[in-house]
């Protein structure tokens, strides 16, 4: 479903600020895989997601979604294949539009959008049913501006919008990191529910090792732009945070000075 082949990305090449963000990374996700990605700051996690979504171009290698190379497609051309939730709850929604208008926009992902945002009665019924799955009471506030929602509510709505059209790939970029523990736990639970319900192929970046172990059927650890560890489901079930920390400490040059990674 998603394949990265020998992908490399270097920022500021040929200058004193040259930095290799992704180094010869290969990764394959089968349909329905839910892969969690951990690593310290600067490991290349978010850069990998940006390459997949088309926000930044890769230098070499190739990228396939559903068997088709998308390397030369712009980000808006890849939008029909990809849903994404960002760390910032403000990033995934339009605050000045209502809940139903945001959902109507999500329905048009990857399609040509007209100026008028149409919300028909049949769509409103669909939105109501989908919002009920969040168990936040938002189904009764369709005409409320999204900017008035709490961070946790907005992130839950962003998650629903990203998965609304059942994209080929769902990208989650530390989507609970900006939330308090209670709301982070809620959004994590919703993530598991929506991914399992719709069998979404998902790549989730997180600093939180406990969260990385709780969800998904695979775990990938990155460091300095490379994949150090790719653990499948049976082996992942046996992992613990201490074991992950021990492995990371054994990697040559790795330093456990990133408090966020210990979350």
Protein backbone atom coordinates (compact mmCIF):
# COMPACT_ATOMS: atom_id res chain seq x y z
CA UNK A 1 0.00 0.00 0.00
CA UNK A 2 2.84 2.39 0.92
CA UNK A 3 6.44 1.83 -0.14
CA UNK A 4 9.50 4.00 0.37
CA UNK A 5 12.48 2.82 -1.68
CA UNK A 6 15.96 4.07 -0.72
CA UNK A 7 14.64 7.54 0.07
CA UNK A 8 17.19 10.25 0.87
CA UNK A 9 16.74 13.90 1.81
CA UNK A 10 19.46 16.43 2.62
CA UNK A 11 18.75 20.00 3.69
CA UNK A 12 21.09 22.85 2.69
CA UNK A 13 23.41 20.60 0.61
CA UNK A 14 26.89 21.94 -0.08
CA UNK A 15 26.73 24.50 2.73
CA UNK A 16 28.07 24.62 6.27
CA UNK A 17 24.50 23.91 7.42
CA UNK A 18 24.18 20.68 5.40
CA UNK A 19 22.09 18.11 7.26
CA UNK A 20 21.10 14.63 6.13
CA UNK A 21 17.52 14.27 7.40
CA UNK A 22 16.67 10.95 5.72
CA UNK A 23 19.37 8.50 4.68
CA UNK A 24 18.55 5.62 2.31
CA UNK A 25 15.28 4.74 4.08
CA UNK A 26 13.17 1.85 2.79
CA UNK A 27 9.85 0.97 4.36
CA UNK A 28 6.81 -1.00 3.19
CA UNK A 29 3.32 -0.97 4.69
CA UNK A 30 0.78 -3.57 3.69
CA UNK A 31 -2.89 -2.59 3.46
CA UNK A 32 -4.23 -2.23 7.00
CA UNK A 33 -0.83 -1.91 8.69
CA UNK A 34 -0.74 0.50 11.63
CA UNK A 35 2.90 1.46 12.17
CA UNK A 36 4.06 3.63 15.06
CA UNK A 37 7.33 5.53 14.60
CA UNK A 38 9.51 6.63 17.51
CA UNK A 39 12.87 8.36 17.77
CA UNK A 40 14.60 11.34 19.33
CA UNK A 41 14.34 14.90 18.00
CA UNK A 42 15.99 15.18 14.60
CA UNK A 43 15.61 11.48 13.85
CA UNK A 44 13.78 12.22 10.60
CA UNK A 45 10.28 11.16 11.64
CA UNK A 46 8.36 14.27 10.57
CA UNK A 47 10.58 14.70 7.51
CA UNK A 48 9.52 11.24 6.39
CA UNK A 49 5.85 12.20 6.74
CA UNK A 50 6.45 15.42 4.83
CA UNK A 51 8.08 13.47 2.01
CA UNK A 52 5.15 11.04 1.87
CA UNK A 53 2.59 13.86 1.81
CA UNK A 54 4.56 15.82 -0.80
CA UNK A 55 5.30 18.82 1.40
CA UNK A 56 9.00 18.46 0.64
CA UNK A 57 10.62 16.69 -2.33
CA UNK A 58 12.93 13.72 -1.89
CA UNK A 59 16.45 13.88 -3.33
CA UNK A 60 16.68 10.27 -4.45
CA UNK A 61 14.71 7.06 -4.23
CA UNK A 62 11.04 6.49 -4.94
CA UNK A 63 7.67 6.51 -3.22
CA UNK A 64 4.66 4.35 -4.12
CA UNK A 65 1.09 4.52 -2.85
CA UNK A 66 -1.21 1.69 -3.82
CA UNK A 67 1.37 0.47 -6.33
CA UNK A 68 1.74 3.84 -8.12
CA UNK A 69 4.77 6.09 -7.96
CA UNK A 70 3.79 9.49 -6.57
CA UNK A 71 7.29 10.95 -6.44
CA UNK A 72 6.52 13.60 -9.05
CA UNK A 73 3.08 14.52 -7.71
CA UNK A 74 2.61 17.78 -5.79
CA UNK A 75 1.08 17.71 -2.32
CA UNK A 76 -2.38 18.76 -3.57
CA UNK A 77 -2.24 15.96 -6.15
CA UNK A 78 -1.51 13.41 -3.42
CA UNK A 79 -4.33 14.72 -1.21
CA UNK A 80 -6.82 12.21 -2.61
CA UNK A 81 -4.61 9.39 -1.32
CA UNK A 82 -3.59 10.85 2.04
CA UNK A 83 -5.26 12.03 5.25
CA UNK A 84 -3.10 13.78 7.84
CA UNK A 85 -3.46 15.01 11.41
CA UNK A 86 -0.86 17.44 12.73
CA UNK A 87 0.48 18.08 16.23
CA UNK A 88 -1.14 21.51 16.38
CA UNK A 89 -4.92 21.20 16.90
CA UNK A 90 -5.29 24.49 14.99
CA UNK A 91 -3.72 23.07 11.82
CA UNK A 92 -6.25 20.51 10.67
CA UNK A 93 -9.43 22.59 10.61
CA UNK A 94 -10.75 25.95 9.42
CA UNK A 95 -11.60 27.85 12.65
CA UNK A 96 -13.93 30.40 11.05
CA UNK A 97 -16.10 27.71 9.46
CA UNK A 98 -18.70 25.60 11.23
CA UNK A 99 -18.28 21.94 12.11
CA UNK A 100 -20.52 20.87 9.22
CA UNK A 101 -18.67 23.15 6.78
CA UNK A 102 -15.33 21.65 7.83
CA UNK A 103 -16.72 18.15 7.30
CA UNK A 104 -18.07 19.18 3.90
CA UNK A 105 -14.57 20.33 2.92
CA UNK A 106 -13.12 17.03 4.13
CA UNK A 107 -15.50 15.20 1.78
CA UNK A 108 -13.93 17.11 -1.12
CA UNK A 109 -10.34 16.12 -0.34
CA UNK A 110 -8.43 15.67 -3.58
CA UNK A 111 -11.30 17.01 -5.67
CA UNK A 112 -11.94 20.36 -7.29
CA UNK A 113 -13.61 22.63 -4.75
CA UNK A 114 -16.18 25.24 -5.70
CA UNK A 115 -16.47 28.50 -3.78
CA UNK A 116 -19.78 27.52 -2.20
CA UNK A 117 -19.65 24.99 0.63
CA UNK A 118 -22.76 22.87 0.15
CA UNK A 119 -24.23 21.06 3.15
CA UNK A 120 -27.28 19.08 2.07
CA UNK A 121 -29.71 17.35 4.41
CA UNK A 122 -28.33 13.94 3.45
CA UNK A 123 -24.79 15.10 4.18
CA UNK A 124 -25.90 16.61 7.46
CA UNK A 125 -27.34 13.24 8.47
CA UNK A 126 -24.04 11.55 7.55
CA UNK A 127 -22.07 14.13 9.54
CA UNK A 128 -24.30 13.60 12.56
CA UNK A 129 -23.78 9.84 12.52
CA UNK A 130 -20.01 10.17 12.12
CA UNK A 131 -19.74 12.73 14.91
CA UNK A 132 -21.58 10.40 17.27
CA UNK A 133 -18.59 8.04 17.10
CA UNK A 134 -16.49 10.72 18.85
CA UNK A 135 -18.79 10.67 21.88
CA UNK A 136 -18.16 14.38 22.46
CA UNK A 137 -21.66 15.71 21.78
CA UNK A 138 -20.52 17.51 18.64
CA UNK A 139 -23.34 15.96 16.60
CA UNK A 140 -25.66 18.49 18.27
CA UNK A 141 -23.43 21.47 17.40
CA UNK A 142 -23.06 21.21 13.63
CA UNK A 143 -23.42 24.97 13.14
CA UNK A 144 -20.88 25.90 15.81
CA UNK A 145 -17.67 27.56 14.62
CA UNK A 146 -14.74 25.20 15.03
CA UNK A 147 -12.62 27.98 16.54
CA UNK A 148 -14.81 27.80 19.65
CA UNK A 149 -13.97 24.15 20.33
CA UNK A 150 -11.34 23.01 22.83
CA UNK A 151 -8.00 21.65 21.62
CA UNK A 152 -9.06 18.07 22.30
CA UNK A 153 -12.36 18.52 20.46
CA UNK A 154 -10.62 20.09 17.48
CA UNK A 155 -8.07 17.30 17.32
CA UNK A 156 -10.81 14.66 17.49
CA UNK A 157 -12.61 16.48 14.68
CA UNK A 158 -9.35 16.68 12.67
CA UNK A 159 -8.92 12.94 13.08
CA UNK A 160 -12.46 12.29 11.88
CA UNK A 161 -11.96 14.62 8.90
CA UNK A 162 -8.65 12.99 7.94
CA UNK A 163 -10.25 9.54 7.91
CA UNK A 164 -13.60 10.67 6.49
CA UNK A 165 -12.99 9.56 2.90
CA UNK A 166 -11.04 6.45 3.95
CA UNK A 167 -7.72 7.56 2.43
CA UNK A 168 -5.17 5.08 1.18
CA UNK A 169 -2.74 6.37 3.83
CA UNK A 170 -3.42 8.07 7.16
CA UNK A 171 -0.50 10.09 8.57
CA UNK A 172 -0.53 11.06 12.25
CA UNK A 173 2.23 13.51 13.16
CA UNK A 174 2.46 13.52 16.99
CA UNK A 175 -1.26 14.29 16.97
CA UNK A 176 -1.67 13.96 20.76
CA UNK A 177 1.53 15.73 21.85
CA UNK A 178 -0.10 19.15 22.38
CA UNK A 179 -2.97 17.77 24.48
CA UNK A 180 -3.21 17.21 28.22
CA UNK A 181 -3.01 13.54 29.34
CA UNK A 182 -6.78 13.06 29.60
CA UNK A 183 -7.53 14.45 26.14
CA UNK A 184 -4.49 12.68 24.67
CA UNK A 185 -5.86 9.38 25.98
CA UNK A 186 -9.25 10.17 24.43
CA UNK A 187 -7.76 10.98 21.01
CA UNK A 188 -5.57 7.86 21.18
CA UNK A 189 -8.67 5.75 21.87
CA UNK A 190 -10.52 7.40 18.96
CA UNK A 191 -7.52 6.76 16.73
CA UNK A 192 -7.59 3.04 17.48
CA UNK A 193 -11.37 2.91 16.93
CA UNK A 194 -11.37 4.72 13.57
CA UNK A 195 -8.31 2.93 12.20
CA UNK A 196 -9.68 -0.50 13.12
CA UNK A 197 -13.21 0.31 11.93
CA UNK A 198 -12.11 1.50 8.50
CA UNK A 199 -9.00 -0.73 8.18
CA UNK A 200 -6.88 2.34 7.46
CA UNK A 201 -3.22 1.94 6.55
CA UNK A 202 -1.64 4.24 9.12
CA UNK A 203 1.76 5.72 9.94
CA UNK A 204 1.87 7.44 13.34
CA UNK A 205 4.83 9.43 14.64
CA UNK A 206 5.09 9.81 18.40
CA UNK A 207 7.64 10.64 21.09
CA UNK A 208 5.62 8.66 23.61
CA UNK A 209 6.94 5.10 23.86
CA UNK A 210 3.99 3.90 25.92
CA UNK A 211 1.61 5.14 23.25
CA UNK A 212 3.74 3.57 20.51
CA UNK A 213 3.46 0.20 22.25
CA UNK A 214 -0.27 0.50 22.96
CA UNK A 215 -1.46 0.99 19.39
CA UNK A 216 -0.65 -0.47 16.02
CA UNK A 217 0.69 -3.79 14.78
CA UNK A 218 4.26 -2.64 14.01
CA UNK A 219 6.84 -0.35 15.57
CA UNK A 220 9.67 1.46 13.83
CA UNK A 221 12.53 3.24 15.60
CA UNK A 222 14.51 5.95 13.78
CA UNK A 223 17.78 7.69 14.61
CA UNK A 224 19.80 10.18 12.55
CA UNK A 225 17.67 9.66 9.46
CA UNK A 226 17.81 5.87 9.45
CA UNK A 227 15.51 3.06 10.55
CA UNK A 228 17.19 1.14 13.37
CA UNK A 229 14.37 -1.20 14.27
CA UNK A 230 11.25 -2.54 12.54
CA UNK A 231 9.28 -4.79 14.88
CA UNK A 232 6.33 -6.87 13.67
CA UNK A 233 3.18 -7.59 15.66
CA UNK A 234 4.15 -10.75 17.58
CA UNK A 235 7.51 -9.34 18.67
CA UNK A 236 6.01 -5.94 19.45
CA UNK A 237 3.64 -7.48 22.00
CA UNK A 238 6.68 -8.59 24.00
CA UNK A 239 8.30 -5.14 24.04
CA UNK A 240 8.38 -2.79 27.02
CA UNK A 241 9.62 0.77 27.40
CA UNK A 242 12.75 -0.39 29.31
CA UNK A 243 13.58 -2.80 26.48
CA UNK A 244 13.24 -0.02 23.90
CA UNK A 245 15.44 2.28 25.95
CA UNK A 246 18.02 -0.46 26.33
CA UNK A 247 18.11 -1.05 22.59
CA UNK A 248 18.41 2.65 21.86
CA UNK A 249 21.25 3.00 24.37
CA UNK A 250 23.14 0.23 22.60
CA UNK A 251 23.09 2.04 19.27
CA UNK A 252 26.47 3.56 18.55
CA UNK A 253 26.41 7.30 19.17
CA UNK A 254 22.85 7.35 20.51
CA UNK A 255 22.31 9.54 23.53
CA UNK A 256 19.31 9.31 25.87
CA UNK A 257 19.18 13.03 26.52
CA UNK A 258 15.80 13.66 24.92
CA UNK A 259 13.26 13.76 27.75
CA UNK A 260 10.37 13.77 25.28
CA UNK A 261 11.45 10.41 23.97
CA UNK A 262 11.11 8.93 27.42
CA UNK A 263 7.42 9.84 27.55
